[in-house]
Amino acid sequence: MSKAHRGKGILELFSHGRGECPVCKRHNVKLLYEQEAGEIKIKVCKVCKAVIKHGKKSLV
């Protein structure tokens, strides 16, 4: 069986979900993970999501 619909949801996002991560400042990475920074939610990359989860970096 093929996987024809893989990644279909990010095609509808602006620039296909890619941009600059506000935490690590890397360019053209997928920003698909929401993290809370105080009262607002920001989208971060997969690497920064894991770093924040393990307590090595904070957004505040």
PDB file of N, CA and C in Angstrom:
ATOM      1  N   MET A   1       0.828  -1.192   0.000  1.00  0.00           N
ATOM      2  CA  MET A   1       0.000   0.000   0.000  1.00  0.00           C
ATOM      3  C   MET A   1       0.870   1.254   0.000  1.00  0.00           C
ATOM      4  N   SER A   2       0.473   2.212  -0.784  1.00  0.00           N
ATOM      5  CA  SER A   2       1.229   3.456  -0.814  1.00  0.00           C
ATOM      6  C   SER A   2       0.778   4.388   0.301  1.00  0.00           C
ATOM      7  N   LYS A   3       1.586   5.364   0.545  1.00  0.00           N
ATOM      8  CA  LYS A   3       1.285   6.343   1.585  1.00  0.00           C
ATOM      9  C   LYS A   3       1.045   7.698   0.899  1.00  0.00           C
ATOM     10  N   ALA A   4      -0.050   7.793   0.170  1.00  0.00           N
ATOM     11  CA  ALA A   4      -0.319   8.934  -0.689  1.00  0.00           C
ATOM     12  C   ALA A   4      -0.636  10.210   0.086  1.00  0.00           C
ATOM     13  N   HIS A   5      -1.138  10.081   1.299  1.00  0.00           N
ATOM     14  CA  HIS A   5      -1.586  11.269   2.019  1.00  0.00           C
ATOM     15  C   HIS A   5      -0.602  11.722   3.096  1.00  0.00           C
ATOM     16  N   ARG A   6       0.593  11.207   3.089  1.00  0.00           N
ATOM     17  CA  ARG A   6       1.573  11.579   4.103  1.00  0.00           C
ATOM     18  C   ARG A   6       2.016  13.023   3.899  1.00  0.00           C
ATOM     19  N   GLY A   7       1.911  13.844   4.928  1.00  0.00           N
ATOM     20  CA  GLY A   7       2.322  15.239   4.843  1.00  0.00           C
ATOM     21  C   GLY A   7       1.295  16.139   4.201  1.00  0.00           C
ATOM     22  N   LYS A   8       0.090  15.657   3.982  1.00  0.00           N
ATOM     23  CA  LYS A   8      -0.930  16.463   3.305  1.00  0.00           C
ATOM     24  C   LYS A   8      -1.318  17.686   4.132  1.00  0.00           C
ATOM     25  N   GLY A   9      -1.323  17.562   5.445  1.00  0.00           N
ATOM     26  CA  GLY A   9      -1.737  18.664   6.310  1.00  0.00           C
ATOM     27  C   GLY A   9      -0.806  19.856   6.279  1.00  0.00           C
ATOM     28  N   ILE A  10       0.483  19.631   6.071  1.00  0.00           N
ATOM     29  CA  ILE A  10       1.407  20.761   6.068  1.00  0.00           C
ATOM     30  C   ILE A  10       1.447  21.472   4.723  1.00  0.00           C
ATOM     31  N   LEU A  11       0.889  20.864   3.690  1.00  0.00           N
ATOM     32  CA  LEU A  11       0.864  21.541   2.395  1.00  0.00           C
ATOM     33  C   LEU A  11      -0.065  22.746   2.411  1.00  0.00           C
ATOM     34  N   GLU A  12      -1.035  22.726   3.327  1.00  0.00           N
ATOM     35  CA  GLU A  12      -1.984  23.833   3.415  1.00  0.00           C
ATOM     36  C   GLU A  12      -1.457  24.992   4.249  1.00  0.00           C
ATOM     37  N   LEU A  13      -0.398  24.777   5.021  1.00  0.00           N
ATOM     38  CA  LEU A  13       0.163  25.833   5.860  1.00  0.00           C
ATOM     39  C   LEU A  13       0.971  26.811   5.024  1.00  0.00           C
ATOM     40  N   PHE A  14       1.179  28.001   5.584  1.00  0.00           N
ATOM     41  CA  PHE A  14       1.995  29.011   4.923  1.00  0.00           C
ATOM     42  C   PHE A  14       3.417  28.477   4.754  1.00  0.00           C
ATOM     43  N   SER A  15       3.934  28.549   3.565  1.00  0.00           N
ATOM     44  CA  SER A  15       5.278  28.097   3.229  1.00  0.00           C
ATOM     45  C   SER A  15       5.491  26.626   3.601  1.00  0.00           C
ATOM     46  N   HIS A  16       4.416  25.849   3.537  1.00  0.00           N
ATOM     47  CA  HIS A  16       4.427  24.414   3.839  1.00  0.00           C
ATOM     48  C   HIS A  16       4.938  24.114   5.241  1.00  0.00           C
ATOM     49  N   GLY A  17       4.693  25.027   6.181  1.00  0.00           N
ATOM     50  CA  GLY A  17       5.060  24.808   7.574  1.00  0.00           C
ATOM     51  C   GLY A  17       6.512  25.083   7.882  1.00  0.00           C
ATOM     52  N   ARG A  18       7.226  25.694   6.978  1.00  0.00           N
ATOM     53  CA  ARG A  18       8.658  25.952   7.183  1.00  0.00           C
ATOM     54  C   ARG A  18       8.911  27.412   7.508  1.00  0.00           C
ATOM     55  N   GLY A  19       9.978  27.631   8.246  1.00  0.00           N
ATOM     56  CA  GLY A  19      10.351  28.990   8.607  1.00  0.00           C
ATOM     57  C   GLY A  19      11.572  28.978   9.509  1.00  0.00           C
ATOM     58  N   GLU A  20      11.763  30.063  10.254  1.00  0.00           N
ATOM     59  CA  GLU A  20      12.895  30.173  11.181  1.00  0.00           C
ATOM     60  C   GLU A  20      12.413  29.858  12.587  1.00  0.00           C
ATOM     61  N   CYS A  21      13.096  28.950  13.248  1.00  0.00           N
ATOM     62  CA  CYS A  21      12.732  28.571  14.615  1.00  0.00           C
ATOM     63  C   CYS A  21      13.097  29.720  15.547  1.00  0.00           C
ATOM     64  N   PRO A  22      12.161  30.164  16.403  1.00  0.00           N
ATOM     65  CA  PRO A  22      12.453  31.283  17.297  1.00  0.00           C
ATOM     66  C   PRO A  22      13.405  30.931  18.432  1.00  0.00           C
ATOM     67  N   VAL A  23      13.650  29.647  18.673  1.00  0.00           N
ATOM     68  CA  VAL A  23      14.525  29.240  19.767  1.00  0.00           C
ATOM     69  C   VAL A  23      15.965  29.065  19.287  1.00  0.00           C
ATOM     70  N   CYS A  24      16.165  28.262  18.246  1.00  0.00           N
ATOM     71  CA  CYS A  24      17.529  27.971  17.782  1.00  0.00           C
ATOM     72  C   CYS A  24      17.955  28.817  16.588  1.00  0.00           C
ATOM     73  N   LYS A  25      17.027  29.573  16.016  1.00  0.00           N
ATOM     74  CA  LYS A  25      17.290  30.484  14.886  1.00  0.00           C
ATOM     75  C   LYS A  25      17.737  29.777  13.616  1.00  0.00           C
ATOM     76  N   ARG A  26      17.417  28.492  13.468  1.00  0.00           N
ATOM     77  CA  ARG A  26      17.737  27.795  12.223  1.00  0.00           C
ATOM     78  C   ARG A  26      16.705  28.166  11.174  1.00  0.00           C
ATOM     79  N   HIS A  27      17.149  28.245   9.925  1.00  0.00           N
ATOM     80  CA  HIS A  27      16.285  28.652   8.828  1.00  0.00           C
ATOM     81  C   HIS A  27      15.727  27.449   8.095  1.00  0.00           C
ATOM     82  N   ASN A  28      14.539  27.614   7.537  1.00  0.00           N
ATOM     83  CA  ASN A  28      13.892  26.650   6.644  1.00  0.00           C
ATOM     84  C   ASN A  28      13.705  25.270   7.278  1.00  0.00           C
ATOM     85  N   VAL A  29      13.301  25.258   8.548  1.00  0.00           N
ATOM     86  CA  VAL A  29      12.978  24.003   9.223  1.00  0.00           C
ATOM     87  C   VAL A  29      11.475  23.956   9.435  1.00  0.00           C
ATOM     88  N   LYS A  30      10.916  22.757   9.599  1.00  0.00           N
ATOM     89  CA  LYS A  30       9.488  22.614   9.824  1.00  0.00           C
ATOM     90  C   LYS A  30       9.140  23.062  11.238  1.00  0.00           C
ATOM     91  N   LEU A  31       8.186  23.969  11.339  1.00  0.00           N
ATOM     92  CA  LEU A  31       7.729  24.490  12.632  1.00  0.00           C
ATOM     93  C   LEU A  31       6.341  23.919  12.897  1.00  0.00           C
ATOM     94  N   LEU A  32       6.298  22.733  13.447  1.00  0.00           N
ATOM     95  CA  LEU A  32       5.036  22.025  13.591  1.00  0.00           C
ATOM     96  C   LEU A  32       4.618  21.808  15.038  1.00  0.00           C
ATOM     97  N   TYR A  33       5.448  22.170  15.988  1.00  0.00           N
ATOM     98  CA  TYR A  33       5.185  21.841  17.384  1.00  0.00           C
ATOM     99  C   TYR A  33       4.918  23.102  18.185  1.00  0.00           C
ATOM    100  N   GLU A  34       3.758  23.159  18.836  1.00  0.00           N
ATOM    101  CA  GLU A  34       3.390  24.326  19.633  1.00  0.00           C
ATOM    102  C   GLU A  34       3.935  24.184  21.048  1.00  0.00           C
ATOM    103  N   GLN A  35       4.544  25.256  21.543  1.00  0.00           N
ATOM    104  CA  GLN A  35       5.032  25.318  22.913  1.00  0.00           C
ATOM    105  C   GLN A  35       4.504  26.607  23.528  1.00  0.00           C
ATOM    106  N   GLU A  36       4.231  26.579  24.823  1.00  0.00           N
ATOM    107  CA  GLU A  36       3.731  27.765  25.504  1.00  0.00           C
ATOM    108  C   GLU A  36       4.889  28.578  26.046  1.00  0.00           C
ATOM    109  N   ALA A  37       4.898  29.855  25.705  1.00  0.00           N
ATOM    110  CA  ALA A  37       5.889  30.801  26.213  1.00  0.00           C
ATOM    111  C   ALA A  37       5.119  31.859  26.989  1.00  0.00           C
ATOM    112  N   GLY A  38       4.942  31.624  28.276  1.00  0.00           N
ATOM    113  CA  GLY A  38       4.110  32.523  29.069  1.00  0.00           C
ATOM    114  C   GLY A  38       2.660  32.293  28.731  1.00  0.00           C
ATOM    115  N   GLU A  39       2.012  33.306  28.194  1.00  0.00           N
ATOM    116  CA  GLU A  39       0.604  33.185  27.821  1.00  0.00           C
ATOM    117  C   GLU A  39       0.401  32.859  26.355  1.00  0.00           C
ATOM    118  N   ILE A  40       1.422  33.078  25.532  1.00  0.00           N
ATOM    119  CA  ILE A  40       1.273  32.858  24.099  1.00  0.00           C
ATOM    120  C   ILE A  40       1.837  31.496  23.703  1.00  0.00           C
ATOM    121  N   LYS A  41       1.388  30.992  22.577  1.00  0.00           N
ATOM    122  CA  LYS A  41       1.895  29.740  22.028  1.00  0.00           C
ATOM    123  C   LYS A  41       2.723  30.062  20.794  1.00  0.00           C
ATOM    124  N   ILE A  42       3.905  29.473  20.723  1.00  0.00           N
ATOM    125  CA  ILE A  42       4.758  29.659  19.552  1.00  0.00           C
ATOM    126  C   ILE A  42       5.036  28.291  18.950  1.00  0.00           C
ATOM    127  N   LYS A  43       5.362  28.276  17.671  1.00  0.00           N
ATOM    128  CA  LYS A  43       5.679  27.028  16.986  1.00  0.00           C
ATOM    129  C   LYS A  43       7.195  26.899  16.911  1.00  0.00           C
ATOM    130  N   VAL A  44       7.698  25.717  17.287  1.00  0.00           N
ATOM    131  CA  VAL A  44       9.131  25.460  17.290  1.00  0.00           C
ATOM    132  C   VAL A  44       9.426  24.208  16.475  1.00  0.00           C
ATOM    133  N   CYS A  45      10.710  23.976  16.201  1.00  0.00           N
ATOM    134  CA  CYS A  45      11.109  22.803  15.435  1.00  0.00           C
ATOM    135  C   CYS A  45      11.149  21.571  16.331  1.00  0.00           C
ATOM    136  N   LYS A  46      11.353  20.427  15.732  1.00  0.00           N
ATOM    137  CA  LYS A  46      11.326  19.152  16.446  1.00  0.00           C
ATOM    138  C   LYS A  46      12.459  19.055  17.471  1.00  0.00           C
ATOM    139  N   VAL A  47      13.639  19.543  17.132  1.00  0.00           N
ATOM    140  CA  VAL A  47      14.784  19.479  18.035  1.00  0.00           C
ATOM    141  C   VAL A  47      14.545  20.345  19.263  1.00  0.00           C
ATOM    142  N   CYS A  48      14.048  21.552  19.067  1.00  0.00           N
ATOM    143  CA  CYS A  48      13.800  22.459  20.183  1.00  0.00           C
ATOM    144  C   CYS A  48      12.667  21.955  21.062  1.00  0.00           C
ATOM    145  N   LYS A  49      11.694  21.283  20.488  1.00  0.00           N
ATOM    146  CA  LYS A  49      10.611  20.698  21.286  1.00  0.00           C
ATOM    147  C   LYS A  49      11.172  19.696  22.276  1.00  0.00           C
ATOM    148  N   ALA A  50      12.099  18.863  21.827  1.00  0.00           N
ATOM    149  CA  ALA A  50      12.704  17.858  22.695  1.00  0.00           C
ATOM    150  C   ALA A  50      13.595  18.503  23.750  1.00  0.00           C
ATOM    151  N   VAL A  51      14.328  19.536  23.368  1.00  0.00           N
ATOM    152  CA  VAL A  51      15.213  20.226  24.310  1.00  0.00           C
ATOM    153  C   VAL A  51      14.399  20.892  25.417  1.00  0.00           C
ATOM    154  N   ILE A  52      13.296  21.510  25.061  1.00  0.00           N
ATOM    155  CA  ILE A  52      12.428  22.160  26.046  1.00  0.00           C
ATOM    156  C   ILE A  52      11.773  21.122  26.940  1.00  0.00           C
ATOM    157  N   LYS A  53      11.366  19.997  26.366  1.00  0.00           N
ATOM    158  CA  LYS A  53      10.722  18.938  27.138  1.00  0.00           C
ATOM    159  C   LYS A  53      11.657  18.374  28.204  1.00  0.00           C
ATOM    160  N   HIS A  54      12.929  18.235  27.874  1.00  0.00           N
ATOM    161  CA  HIS A  54      13.890  17.669  28.808  1.00  0.00           C
ATOM    162  C   HIS A  54      14.468  18.709  29.766  1.00  0.00           C
ATOM    163  N   GLY A  55      14.025  19.970  29.651  1.00  0.00           N
ATOM    164  CA  GLY A  55      14.420  21.000  30.599  1.00  0.00           C
ATOM    165  C   GLY A  55      15.776  21.624  30.356  1.00  0.00           C
ATOM    166  N   LYS A  56      16.344  21.453  29.181  1.00  0.00           N
ATOM    167  CA  LYS A  56      17.650  22.019  28.906  1.00  0.00           C
ATOM    168  C   LYS A  56      17.588  23.464  28.444  1.00  0.00           C
ATOM    169  N   LYS A  57      16.403  23.890  28.004  1.00  0.00           N
ATOM    170  CA  LYS A  57      16.177  25.273  27.580  1.00  0.00           C
ATOM    171  C   LYS A  57      14.780  25.664  27.996  1.00  0.00           C
ATOM    172  N   SER A  58      14.590  26.956  28.216  1.00  0.00           N
ATOM    173  CA  SER A  58      13.226  27.428  28.526  1.00  0.00           C
ATOM    174  C   SER A  58      12.884  28.561  27.581  1.00  0.00           C
ATOM    175  N   LEU A  59      11.600  28.782  27.407  1.00  0.00           N
ATOM    176  CA  LEU A  59      11.141  29.823  26.485  1.00  0.00           C
ATOM    177  C   LEU A  59      10.933  31.157  27.186  1.00  0.00           C
ATOM    178  N   VAL A  60      10.855  31.155  28.488  1.00  0.00           N
ATOM    179  CA  VAL A  60      10.542  32.374  29.236  1.00  0.00           C
ATOM    180  C   VAL A  60      11.733  33.235  29.435  1.00  0.00           C
TER     181      VAL A  60
END
